[in-house]
All heavy atoms as atom14 arrays in JSON, in Angstrom:
{
  "sequence": "YMMYAGDADRTAGASEVNASDLSRWTRDNGKFGLYLPADFNLDGEVNA",
  "atom14_mask": [
    [1, 1, 1, 1, 1, 1, 1, 1, 1, 1, 1, 1, 0, 0],
    [1, 1, 1, 1, 1, 1, 1, 1, 0, 0, 0, 0, 0, 0],
    [1, 1, 1, 1, 1, 1, 1, 1, 0, 0, 0, 0, 0, 0],
    [1, 1, 1, 1, 1, 1, 1, 1, 1, 1, 1, 1, 0, 0],
    [1, 1, 1, 1, 1, 0, 0, 0, 0, 0, 0, 0, 0, 0],
    [1, 1, 1, 1, 0, 0, 0, 0, 0, 0, 0, 0, 0, 0],
    [1, 1, 1, 1, 1, 1, 1, 1, 0, 0, 0, 0, 0, 0],
    [1, 1, 1, 1, 1, 0, 0, 0, 0, 0, 0, 0, 0, 0],
    [1, 1, 1, 1, 1, 1, 1, 1, 0, 0, 0, 0, 0, 0],
    [1, 1, 1, 1, 1, 1, 1, 1, 1, 1, 1, 0, 0, 0],
    [1, 1, 1, 1, 1, 1, 1, 0, 0, 0, 0, 0, 0, 0],
    [1, 1, 1, 1, 1, 0, 0, 0, 0, 0, 0, 0, 0, 0],
    [1, 1, 1, 1, 0, 0, 0, 0, 0, 0, 0, 0, 0, 0],
    [1, 1, 1, 1, 1, 0, 0, 0, 0, 0, 0, 0, 0, 0],
    [1, 1, 1, 1, 1, 1, 0, 0, 0, 0, 0, 0, 0, 0],
    [1, 1, 1, 1, 1, 1, 1, 1, 1, 0, 0, 0, 0, 0],
    [1, 1, 1, 1, 1, 1, 1, 0, 0, 0, 0, 0, 0, 0],
    [1, 1, 1, 1, 1, 1, 1, 1, 0, 0, 0, 0, 0, 0],
    [1, 1, 1, 1, 1, 0, 0, 0, 0, 0, 0, 0, 0, 0],
    [1, 1, 1, 1, 1, 1, 0, 0, 0, 0, 0, 0, 0, 0],
    [1, 1, 1, 1, 1, 1, 1, 1, 0, 0, 0, 0, 0, 0],
    [1, 1, 1, 1, 1, 1, 1, 1, 0, 0, 0, 0, 0, 0],
    [1, 1, 1, 1, 1, 1, 0, 0, 0, 0, 0, 0, 0, 0],
    [1, 1, 1, 1, 1, 1, 1, 1, 1, 1, 1, 0, 0, 0],
    [1, 1, 1, 1, 1, 1, 1, 1, 1, 1, 1, 1, 1, 1],
    [1, 1, 1, 1, 1, 1, 1, 0, 0, 0, 0, 0, 0, 0],
    [1, 1, 1, 1, 1, 1, 1, 1, 1, 1, 1, 0, 0, 0],
    [1, 1, 1, 1, 1, 1, 1, 1, 0, 0, 0, 0, 0, 0],
    [1, 1, 1, 1, 1, 1, 1, 1, 0, 0, 0, 0, 0, 0],
    [1, 1, 1, 1, 0, 0, 0, 0, 0, 0, 0, 0, 0, 0],
    [1, 1, 1, 1, 1, 1, 1, 1, 1, 0, 0, 0, 0, 0],
    [1, 1, 1, 1, 1, 1, 1, 1, 1, 1, 1, 0, 0, 0],
    [1, 1, 1, 1, 0, 0, 0, 0, 0, 0, 0, 0, 0, 0],
    [1, 1, 1, 1, 1, 1, 1, 1, 0, 0, 0, 0, 0, 0],
    [1, 1, 1, 1, 1, 1, 1, 1, 1, 1, 1, 1, 0, 0],
    [1, 1, 1, 1, 1, 1, 1, 1, 0, 0, 0, 0, 0, 0],
    [1, 1, 1, 1, 1, 1, 1, 0, 0, 0, 0, 0, 0, 0],
    [1, 1, 1, 1, 1, 0, 0, 0, 0, 0, 0, 0, 0, 0],
    [1, 1, 1, 1, 1, 1, 1, 1, 0, 0, 0, 0, 0, 0],
    [1, 1, 1, 1, 1, 1, 1, 1, 1, 1, 1, 0, 0, 0],
    [1, 1, 1, 1, 1, 1, 1, 1, 0, 0, 0, 0, 0, 0],
    [1, 1, 1, 1, 1, 1, 1, 1, 0, 0, 0, 0, 0, 0],
    [1, 1, 1, 1, 1, 1, 1, 1, 0, 0, 0, 0, 0, 0],
    [1, 1, 1, 1, 0, 0, 0, 0, 0, 0, 0, 0, 0, 0],
    [1, 1, 1, 1, 1, 1, 1, 1, 1, 0, 0, 0, 0, 0],
    [1, 1, 1, 1, 1, 1, 1, 0, 0, 0, 0, 0, 0, 0],
    [1, 1, 1, 1, 1, 1, 1, 1, 0, 0, 0, 0, 0, 0],
    [1, 1, 1, 1, 1, 0, 0, 0, 0, 0, 0, 0, 0, 0]
  ],
  "atom14_positions": [
    [[108.85, 128.19, 105.87], [108.72, 128.13, 104.46], [108.39, 126.68, 104.1], [108.69, 125.76, 104.81], [109.94, 128.54, 103.66], [110.22, 130.05, 103.78], [110.86, 130.59, 104.86], [109.79, 130.9, 102.78], [111.14, 131.95, 104.94], [110.01, 132.22, 102.84], [110.68, 132.74, 103.92], [110.92, 134.07, 103.97], [0.0, 0.0, 0.0], [0.0, 0.0, 0.0]],
    [[107.79, 126.45, 102.88], [107.47, 125.14, 102.45], [107.51, 125.06, 100.97], [107.53, 126.06, 100.27], [106.06, 124.75, 102.93], [105.01, 125.79, 102.58], [103.44, 125.35, 102.07], [103.47, 124.31, 100.74], [0.0, 0.0, 0.0], [0.0, 0.0, 0.0], [0.0, 0.0, 0.0], [0.0, 0.0, 0.0], [0.0, 0.0, 0.0], [0.0, 0.0, 0.0]],
    [[107.6, 123.84, 100.45], [107.47, 123.57, 98.97], [106.36, 122.56, 98.81], [106.16, 121.68, 99.63], [108.82, 123.03, 98.41], [109.87, 124.1, 98.38], [111.45, 123.47, 97.81], [111.03, 122.86, 96.19], [0.0, 0.0, 0.0], [0.0, 0.0, 0.0], [0.0, 0.0, 0.0], [0.0, 0.0, 0.0], [0.0, 0.0, 0.0], [0.0, 0.0, 0.0]],
    [[105.66, 122.67, 97.71], [104.6, 121.67, 97.45], [105.23, 120.35, 96.99], [106.12, 120.32, 96.18], [103.7, 122.18, 96.3], [102.92, 123.4, 96.69], [103.19, 124.6, 96.13], [101.9, 123.35, 97.66], [102.51, 125.77, 96.52], [101.23, 124.51, 98.02], [101.52, 125.68, 97.42], [100.83, 126.84, 97.81], [0.0, 0.0, 0.0], [0.0, 0.0, 0.0]],
    [[104.7, 119.24, 97.55], [105.18, 117.92, 97.15], [104.63, 117.59, 95.79], [103.58, 118.04, 95.4], [104.64, 116.9, 98.16], [0.0, 0.0, 0.0], [0.0, 0.0, 0.0], [0.0, 0.0, 0.0], [0.0, 0.0, 0.0], [0.0, 0.0, 0.0], [0.0, 0.0, 0.0], [0.0, 0.0, 0.0], [0.0, 0.0, 0.0], [0.0, 0.0, 0.0]],
    [[105.42, 116.79, 95.02], [104.95, 116.42, 93.71], [105.85, 116.82, 92.54], [105.58, 116.54, 91.42], [0.0, 0.0, 0.0], [0.0, 0.0, 0.0], [0.0, 0.0, 0.0], [0.0, 0.0, 0.0], [0.0, 0.0, 0.0], [0.0, 0.0, 0.0], [0.0, 0.0, 0.0], [0.0, 0.0, 0.0], [0.0, 0.0, 0.0], [0.0, 0.0, 0.0]],
    [[106.93, 117.57, 92.85], [107.82, 118.01, 91.79], [108.93, 116.99, 91.61], [110.02, 117.16, 92.06], [108.4, 119.4, 92.07], [109.24, 119.97, 90.98], [109.09, 119.48, 89.84], [109.98, 120.9, 91.29], [0.0, 0.0, 0.0], [0.0, 0.0, 0.0], [0.0, 0.0, 0.0], [0.0, 0.0, 0.0], [0.0, 0.0, 0.0], [0.0, 0.0, 0.0]],
    [[108.68, 115.95, 90.82], [109.6, 114.84, 90.67], [110.77, 115.17, 89.8], [111.83, 114.61, 89.97], [108.87, 113.56, 90.11], [0.0, 0.0, 0.0], [0.0, 0.0, 0.0], [0.0, 0.0, 0.0], [0.0, 0.0, 0.0], [0.0, 0.0, 0.0], [0.0, 0.0, 0.0], [0.0, 0.0, 0.0], [0.0, 0.0, 0.0], [0.0, 0.0, 0.0]],
    [[110.55, 116.01, 88.85], [111.67, 116.26, 87.9], [112.54, 117.45, 88.29], [113.59, 117.67, 87.74], [111.17, 116.49, 86.44], [110.24, 117.68, 86.35], [110.03, 118.44, 87.3], [109.72, 117.92, 85.2], [0.0, 0.0, 0.0], [0.0, 0.0, 0.0], [0.0, 0.0, 0.0], [0.0, 0.0, 0.0], [0.0, 0.0, 0.0], [0.0, 0.0, 0.0]],
    [[112.17, 118.16, 89.33], [112.96, 119.22, 89.91], [113.72, 120.05, 88.82], [114.94, 120.09, 88.84], [113.94, 118.64, 90.93], [113.31, 118.08, 92.11], [114.28, 117.53, 93.13], [114.11, 116.09, 93.13], [115.11, 115.2, 93.16], [116.36, 115.6, 93.18], [114.86, 113.91, 93.22], [0.0, 0.0, 0.0], [0.0, 0.0, 0.0], [0.0, 0.0, 0.0]],
    [[112.96, 120.63, 87.99], [113.61, 121.45, 86.97], [114.25, 122.68, 87.59], [113.98, 123.07, 88.74], [112.53, 121.98, 85.97], [111.44, 122.65, 86.68], [111.93, 120.86, 85.16], [0.0, 0.0, 0.0], [0.0, 0.0, 0.0], [0.0, 0.0, 0.0], [0.0, 0.0, 0.0], [0.0, 0.0, 0.0], [0.0, 0.0, 0.0], [0.0, 0.0, 0.0]],
    [[115.25, 123.23, 86.88], [116.02, 124.34, 87.38], [115.14, 125.5, 87.83], [114.13, 125.77, 87.15], [117.05, 124.79, 86.37], [0.0, 0.0, 0.0], [0.0, 0.0, 0.0], [0.0, 0.0, 0.0], [0.0, 0.0, 0.0], [0.0, 0.0, 0.0], [0.0, 0.0, 0.0], [0.0, 0.0, 0.0], [0.0, 0.0, 0.0], [0.0, 0.0, 0.0]],
    [[115.51, 126.19, 88.84], [114.76, 127.35, 89.3], [113.78, 126.93, 90.35], [114.03, 126.22, 91.22], [0.0, 0.0, 0.0], [0.0, 0.0, 0.0], [0.0, 0.0, 0.0], [0.0, 0.0, 0.0], [0.0, 0.0, 0.0], [0.0, 0.0, 0.0], [0.0, 0.0, 0.0], [0.0, 0.0, 0.0], [0.0, 0.0, 0.0], [0.0, 0.0, 0.0]],
    [[112.57, 127.49, 90.27], [111.54, 127.28, 91.22], [110.87, 125.89, 90.98], [111.16, 125.2, 90.07], [110.49, 128.38, 91.11], [0.0, 0.0, 0.0], [0.0, 0.0, 0.0], [0.0, 0.0, 0.0], [0.0, 0.0, 0.0], [0.0, 0.0, 0.0], [0.0, 0.0, 0.0], [0.0, 0.0, 0.0], [0.0, 0.0, 0.0], [0.0, 0.0, 0.0]],
    [[109.96, 125.57, 91.92], [109.31, 124.24, 91.9], [107.9, 124.38, 91.3], [107.14, 125.25, 91.72], [109.22, 123.71, 93.3], [108.57, 122.51, 93.35], [0.0, 0.0, 0.0], [0.0, 0.0, 0.0], [0.0, 0.0, 0.0], [0.0, 0.0, 0.0], [0.0, 0.0, 0.0], [0.0, 0.0, 0.0], [0.0, 0.0, 0.0], [0.0, 0.0, 0.0]],
    [[107.58, 123.51, 90.33], [106.27, 123.49, 89.7], [105.79, 122.04, 89.61], [106.55, 121.21, 89.14], [106.29, 124.16, 88.35], [104.91, 124.21, 87.71], [104.93, 124.87, 86.35], [105.96, 125.44, 86.0], [103.89, 124.87, 85.71], [0.0, 0.0, 0.0], [0.0, 0.0, 0.0], [0.0, 0.0, 0.0], [0.0, 0.0, 0.0], [0.0, 0.0, 0.0]],
    [[104.62, 121.75, 90.1], [104.02, 120.42, 89.99], [103.2, 120.39, 88.72], [102.23, 121.14, 88.61], [103.2, 120.11, 91.22], [102.6, 118.74, 91.11], [104.02, 120.28, 92.5], [0.0, 0.0, 0.0], [0.0, 0.0, 0.0], [0.0, 0.0, 0.0], [0.0, 0.0, 0.0], [0.0, 0.0, 0.0], [0.0, 0.0, 0.0], [0.0, 0.0, 0.0]],
    [[103.55, 119.5, 87.79], [102.78, 119.47, 86.47], [102.86, 118.05, 85.87], [103.29, 117.08, 86.54], [103.38, 120.47, 85.55], [104.89, 120.32, 85.32], [105.37, 119.21, 85.3], [105.61, 121.44, 85.14], [0.0, 0.0, 0.0], [0.0, 0.0, 0.0], [0.0, 0.0, 0.0], [0.0, 0.0, 0.0], [0.0, 0.0, 0.0], [0.0, 0.0, 0.0]],
    [[102.43, 117.91, 84.67], [102.29, 116.62, 84.0], [103.6, 115.91, 83.81], [103.61, 114.66, 83.85], [101.62, 116.81, 82.62], [0.0, 0.0, 0.0], [0.0, 0.0, 0.0], [0.0, 0.0, 0.0], [0.0, 0.0, 0.0], [0.0, 0.0, 0.0], [0.0, 0.0, 0.0], [0.0, 0.0, 0.0], [0.0, 0.0, 0.0], [0.0, 0.0, 0.0]],
    [[104.67, 116.56, 83.72], [105.97, 115.91, 83.54], [106.32, 115.11, 84.84], [107.0, 114.1, 84.8], [107.1, 116.9, 83.19], [107.4, 117.76, 84.29], [0.0, 0.0, 0.0], [0.0, 0.0, 0.0], [0.0, 0.0, 0.0], [0.0, 0.0, 0.0], [0.0, 0.0, 0.0], [0.0, 0.0, 0.0], [0.0, 0.0, 0.0], [0.0, 0.0, 0.0]],
    [[105.83, 115.62, 85.97], [106.02, 114.9, 87.28], [105.21, 113.66, 87.31], [105.65, 112.63, 87.86], [105.72, 115.83, 88.44], [106.5, 117.1, 88.38], [107.75, 117.04, 88.31], [105.88, 118.19, 88.38], [0.0, 0.0, 0.0], [0.0, 0.0, 0.0], [0.0, 0.0, 0.0], [0.0, 0.0, 0.0], [0.0, 0.0, 0.0], [0.0, 0.0, 0.0]],
    [[104.02, 113.66, 86.71], [103.19, 112.49, 86.66], [103.81, 111.45, 85.83], [103.76, 110.24, 86.1], [101.79, 112.83, 86.14], [100.83, 111.61, 86.05], [100.61, 111.04, 87.45], [99.49, 112.07, 85.45], [0.0, 0.0, 0.0], [0.0, 0.0, 0.0], [0.0, 0.0, 0.0], [0.0, 0.0, 0.0], [0.0, 0.0, 0.0], [0.0, 0.0, 0.0]],
    [[104.49, 111.85, 84.72], [105.24, 110.94, 83.87], [106.34, 110.18, 84.67], [106.52, 108.98, 84.49], [105.82, 111.66, 82.69], [104.82, 112.15, 81.84], [0.0, 0.0, 0.0], [0.0, 0.0, 0.0], [0.0, 0.0, 0.0], [0.0, 0.0, 0.0], [0.0, 0.0, 0.0], [0.0, 0.0, 0.0], [0.0, 0.0, 0.0], [0.0, 0.0, 0.0]],
    [[106.98, 110.89, 85.47], [108.05, 110.32, 86.34], [107.43, 109.33, 87.28], [107.92, 108.28, 87.55], [108.8, 111.42, 87.08], [109.94, 110.96, 87.9], [111.15, 110.71, 87.07], [112.3, 110.29, 87.82], [113.36, 111.08, 88.0], [113.41, 112.24, 87.53], [114.35, 110.63, 88.73], [0.0, 0.0, 0.0], [0.0, 0.0, 0.0], [0.0, 0.0, 0.0]],
    [[106.25, 109.66, 87.88], [105.55, 108.78, 88.8], [105.11, 107.51, 88.11], [105.28, 106.41, 88.54], [104.31, 109.5, 89.42], [103.5, 108.53, 90.24], [103.72, 108.24, 91.6], [102.44, 107.74, 89.82], [102.82, 107.32, 91.98], [102.04, 106.96, 90.95], [101.79, 107.55, 88.62], [100.96, 106.02, 90.92], [100.7, 106.62, 88.51], [100.36, 105.95, 89.66]],
    [[104.61, 107.63, 86.84], [104.14, 106.52, 86.08], [105.34, 105.52, 85.79], [105.15, 104.3, 85.92], [103.55, 107.0, 84.7], [102.42, 107.85, 85.01], [103.06, 105.83, 83.87], [0.0, 0.0, 0.0], [0.0, 0.0, 0.0], [0.0, 0.0, 0.0], [0.0, 0.0, 0.0], [0.0, 0.0, 0.0], [0.0, 0.0, 0.0], [0.0, 0.0, 0.0]],
    [[106.49, 106.07, 85.52], [107.61, 105.23, 85.28], [108.08, 104.45, 86.52], [108.53, 103.34, 86.45], [108.78, 106.11, 84.71], [109.95, 105.23, 84.28], [111.12, 106.06, 83.76], [111.74, 106.71, 84.86], [112.15, 108.02, 84.83], [112.0, 108.75, 83.8], [112.76, 108.54, 85.86], [0.0, 0.0, 0.0], [0.0, 0.0, 0.0], [0.0, 0.0, 0.0]],
    [[108.02, 105.13, 87.69], [108.51, 104.49, 88.94], [107.46, 103.85, 89.78], [107.77, 103.2, 90.78], [109.19, 105.62, 89.78], [110.48, 106.05, 89.17], [111.04, 105.4, 88.25], [110.96, 107.23, 89.52], [0.0, 0.0, 0.0], [0.0, 0.0, 0.0], [0.0, 0.0, 0.0], [0.0, 0.0, 0.0], [0.0, 0.0, 0.0], [0.0, 0.0, 0.0]],
    [[106.18, 103.92, 89.39], [105.11, 103.31, 90.18], [105.36, 101.87, 90.39], [105.71, 101.09, 89.47], [103.79, 103.54, 89.47], [102.62, 103.05, 90.24], [102.65, 102.95, 91.43], [101.54, 102.6, 89.54], [0.0, 0.0, 0.0], [0.0, 0.0, 0.0], [0.0, 0.0, 0.0], [0.0, 0.0, 0.0], [0.0, 0.0, 0.0], [0.0, 0.0, 0.0]],
    [[105.24, 101.4, 91.63], [105.44, 100.05, 92.0], [106.81, 99.73, 92.55], [107.04, 98.57, 93.0], [0.0, 0.0, 0.0], [0.0, 0.0, 0.0], [0.0, 0.0, 0.0], [0.0, 0.0, 0.0], [0.0, 0.0, 0.0], [0.0, 0.0, 0.0], [0.0, 0.0, 0.0], [0.0, 0.0, 0.0], [0.0, 0.0, 0.0], [0.0, 0.0, 0.0]],
    [[107.68, 100.65, 92.52], [109.01, 100.46, 93.07], [108.96, 100.73, 94.59], [108.24, 101.66, 95.01], [110.07, 101.37, 92.4], [110.26, 101.03, 90.97], [111.25, 101.92, 90.3], [111.45, 101.56, 88.84], [112.36, 102.47, 88.19], [0.0, 0.0, 0.0], [0.0, 0.0, 0.0], [0.0, 0.0, 0.0], [0.0, 0.0, 0.0], [0.0, 0.0, 0.0]],
    [[109.66, 99.95, 95.38], [109.65, 100.2, 96.82], [111.02, 99.97, 97.43], [111.91, 99.43, 96.75], [108.65, 99.24, 97.54], [108.88, 97.82, 97.26], [109.66, 97.06, 98.13], [108.39, 97.14, 96.09], [109.89, 95.67, 97.98], [108.64, 95.83, 95.89], [109.4, 95.07, 96.82], [0.0, 0.0, 0.0], [0.0, 0.0, 0.0], [0.0, 0.0, 0.0]],
    [[111.2, 100.37, 98.62], [112.47, 100.27, 99.33], [113.48, 101.33, 98.91], [114.66, 101.2, 99.24], [0.0, 0.0, 0.0], [0.0, 0.0, 0.0], [0.0, 0.0, 0.0], [0.0, 0.0, 0.0], [0.0, 0.0, 0.0], [0.0, 0.0, 0.0], [0.0, 0.0, 0.0], [0.0, 0.0, 0.0], [0.0, 0.0, 0.0], [0.0, 0.0, 0.0]],
    [[113.01, 102.32, 98.21], [113.91, 103.39, 97.69], [113.21, 104.73, 97.95], [111.99, 104.83, 97.78], [114.22, 103.23, 96.21], [114.86, 101.96, 95.81], [114.78, 101.77, 94.3], [116.35, 101.94, 96.27], [0.0, 0.0, 0.0], [0.0, 0.0, 0.0], [0.0, 0.0, 0.0], [0.0, 0.0, 0.0], [0.0, 0.0, 0.0], [0.0, 0.0, 0.0]],
    [[114.01, 105.81, 98.16], [113.44, 107.13, 98.19], [113.69, 107.79, 96.8], [114.68, 108.38, 96.56], [114.02, 107.95, 99.3], [113.61, 107.47, 100.69], [114.49, 106.77, 101.49], [112.31, 107.72, 101.11], [114.1, 106.31, 102.71], [111.9, 107.27, 102.35], [112.82, 106.58, 103.18], [112.45, 106.1, 104.38], [0.0, 0.0, 0.0], [0.0, 0.0, 0.0]],
    [[112.78, 107.54, 95.87], [112.89, 108.05, 94.52], [112.24, 109.41, 94.43], [111.4, 109.76, 95.26], [112.26, 107.04, 93.55], [112.88, 105.69, 93.51], [112.0, 104.69, 92.73], [114.25, 105.78, 92.94], [0.0, 0.0, 0.0], [0.0, 0.0, 0.0], [0.0, 0.0, 0.0], [0.0, 0.0, 0.0], [0.0, 0.0, 0.0], [0.0, 0.0, 0.0]],
    [[112.54, 110.24, 93.37], [111.91, 111.52, 93.18], [110.4, 111.48, 93.11], [109.7, 112.4, 93.53], [112.55, 112.02, 91.93], [113.89, 111.41, 91.88], [113.68, 110.0, 92.44], [0.0, 0.0, 0.0], [0.0, 0.0, 0.0], [0.0, 0.0, 0.0], [0.0, 0.0, 0.0], [0.0, 0.0, 0.0], [0.0, 0.0, 0.0], [0.0, 0.0, 0.0]],
    [[109.86, 110.34, 92.65], [108.41, 110.22, 92.54], [107.76, 109.76, 93.86], [106.56, 109.53, 93.92], [108.07, 109.28, 91.39], [0.0, 0.0, 0.0], [0.0, 0.0, 0.0], [0.0, 0.0, 0.0], [0.0, 0.0, 0.0], [0.0, 0.0, 0.0], [0.0, 0.0, 0.0], [0.0, 0.0, 0.0], [0.0, 0.0, 0.0], [0.0, 0.0, 0.0]],
    [[108.57, 109.52, 94.92], [108.04, 109.1, 96.24], [107.64, 110.39, 96.96], [108.38, 110.87, 97.82], [109.11, 108.32, 97.0], [108.63, 107.92, 98.39], [107.42, 107.95, 98.66], [109.5, 107.53, 99.15], [0.0, 0.0, 0.0], [0.0, 0.0, 0.0], [0.0, 0.0, 0.0], [0.0, 0.0, 0.0], [0.0, 0.0, 0.0], [0.0, 0.0, 0.0]],
    [[106.48, 110.93, 96.54], [106.12, 112.29, 97.08], [105.83, 112.38, 98.51], [105.95, 113.42, 99.13], [104.91, 112.82, 96.25], [105.18, 112.85, 94.77], [104.21, 112.34, 93.87], [106.33, 113.35, 94.2], [104.42, 112.42, 92.51], [106.57, 113.39, 92.86], [105.62, 112.91, 92.0], [0.0, 0.0, 0.0], [0.0, 0.0, 0.0], [0.0, 0.0, 0.0]],
    [[105.38, 111.25, 99.17], [105.15, 111.32, 100.6], [106.29, 110.72, 101.4], [106.19, 110.63, 102.64], [103.83, 110.59, 100.9], [103.87, 109.1, 100.62], [104.89, 108.56, 100.2], [102.72, 108.46, 100.85], [0.0, 0.0, 0.0], [0.0, 0.0, 0.0], [0.0, 0.0, 0.0], [0.0, 0.0, 0.0], [0.0, 0.0, 0.0], [0.0, 0.0, 0.0]],
    [[107.39, 110.33, 100.74], [108.62, 109.95, 101.38], [108.45, 108.74, 102.33], [109.07, 108.64, 103.38], [109.29, 111.08, 102.12], [109.73, 112.26, 101.25], [110.29, 113.38, 102.08], [110.74, 111.84, 100.2], [0.0, 0.0, 0.0], [0.0, 0.0, 0.0], [0.0, 0.0, 0.0], [0.0, 0.0, 0.0], [0.0, 0.0, 0.0], [0.0, 0.0, 0.0]],
    [[107.63, 107.73, 101.88], [107.48, 106.54, 102.66], [108.3, 105.36, 102.13], [108.23, 104.26, 102.62], [106.05, 106.16, 102.81], [105.42, 105.7, 101.47], [106.05, 105.82, 100.42], [104.19, 105.28, 101.47], [0.0, 0.0, 0.0], [0.0, 0.0, 0.0], [0.0, 0.0, 0.0], [0.0, 0.0, 0.0], [0.0, 0.0, 0.0], [0.0, 0.0, 0.0]],
    [[109.18, 105.6, 101.11], [110.01, 104.57, 100.56], [109.34, 103.69, 99.5], [109.9, 102.72, 99.03], [0.0, 0.0, 0.0], [0.0, 0.0, 0.0], [0.0, 0.0, 0.0], [0.0, 0.0, 0.0], [0.0, 0.0, 0.0], [0.0, 0.0, 0.0], [0.0, 0.0, 0.0], [0.0, 0.0, 0.0], [0.0, 0.0, 0.0], [0.0, 0.0, 0.0]],
    [[108.14, 104.08, 99.06], [107.45, 103.35, 98.04], [106.82, 104.36, 97.09], [106.32, 105.41, 97.5], [106.29, 102.54, 98.69], [106.76, 101.48, 99.66], [105.64, 100.68, 100.25], [104.47, 100.88, 99.82], [105.88, 99.87, 101.13], [0.0, 0.0, 0.0], [0.0, 0.0, 0.0], [0.0, 0.0, 0.0], [0.0, 0.0, 0.0], [0.0, 0.0, 0.0]],
    [[106.81, 104.01, 95.83], [106.07, 104.78, 94.81], [104.81, 104.08, 94.47], [104.85, 102.98, 93.9], [106.94, 105.04, 93.54], [106.21, 105.86, 92.54], [108.23, 105.71, 93.93], [0.0, 0.0, 0.0], [0.0, 0.0, 0.0], [0.0, 0.0, 0.0], [0.0, 0.0, 0.0], [0.0, 0.0, 0.0], [0.0, 0.0, 0.0], [0.0, 0.0, 0.0]],
    [[103.67, 104.63, 94.84], [102.41, 103.96, 94.65], [101.23, 105.01, 94.54], [101.53, 106.19, 94.4], [102.17, 103.0, 95.78], [102.21, 103.64, 97.16], [101.85, 104.74, 97.31], [102.62, 102.88, 98.13], [0.0, 0.0, 0.0], [0.0, 0.0, 0.0], [0.0, 0.0, 0.0], [0.0, 0.0, 0.0], [0.0, 0.0, 0.0], [0.0, 0.0, 0.0]],
    [[100.01, 104.54, 94.67], [98.84, 105.38, 94.5], [98.84, 106.51, 95.56], [98.28, 107.6, 95.26], [97.6, 104.58, 94.57], [0.0, 0.0, 0.0], [0.0, 0.0, 0.0], [0.0, 0.0, 0.0], [0.0, 0.0, 0.0], [0.0, 0.0, 0.0], [0.0, 0.0, 0.0], [0.0, 0.0, 0.0], [0.0, 0.0, 0.0], [0.0, 0.0, 0.0]]
  ]
}
């Protein structure tokens, strides 16, 4: 089984990738050294 990457806000229930997740990415963009919800590829950095 798998889930699609990109669901930063993890709303209750199932997973949906949408504009609210992009808002979370915009807020956290440029942060590094942390595994944040907007770190969709799990490399410890939130970036392009």
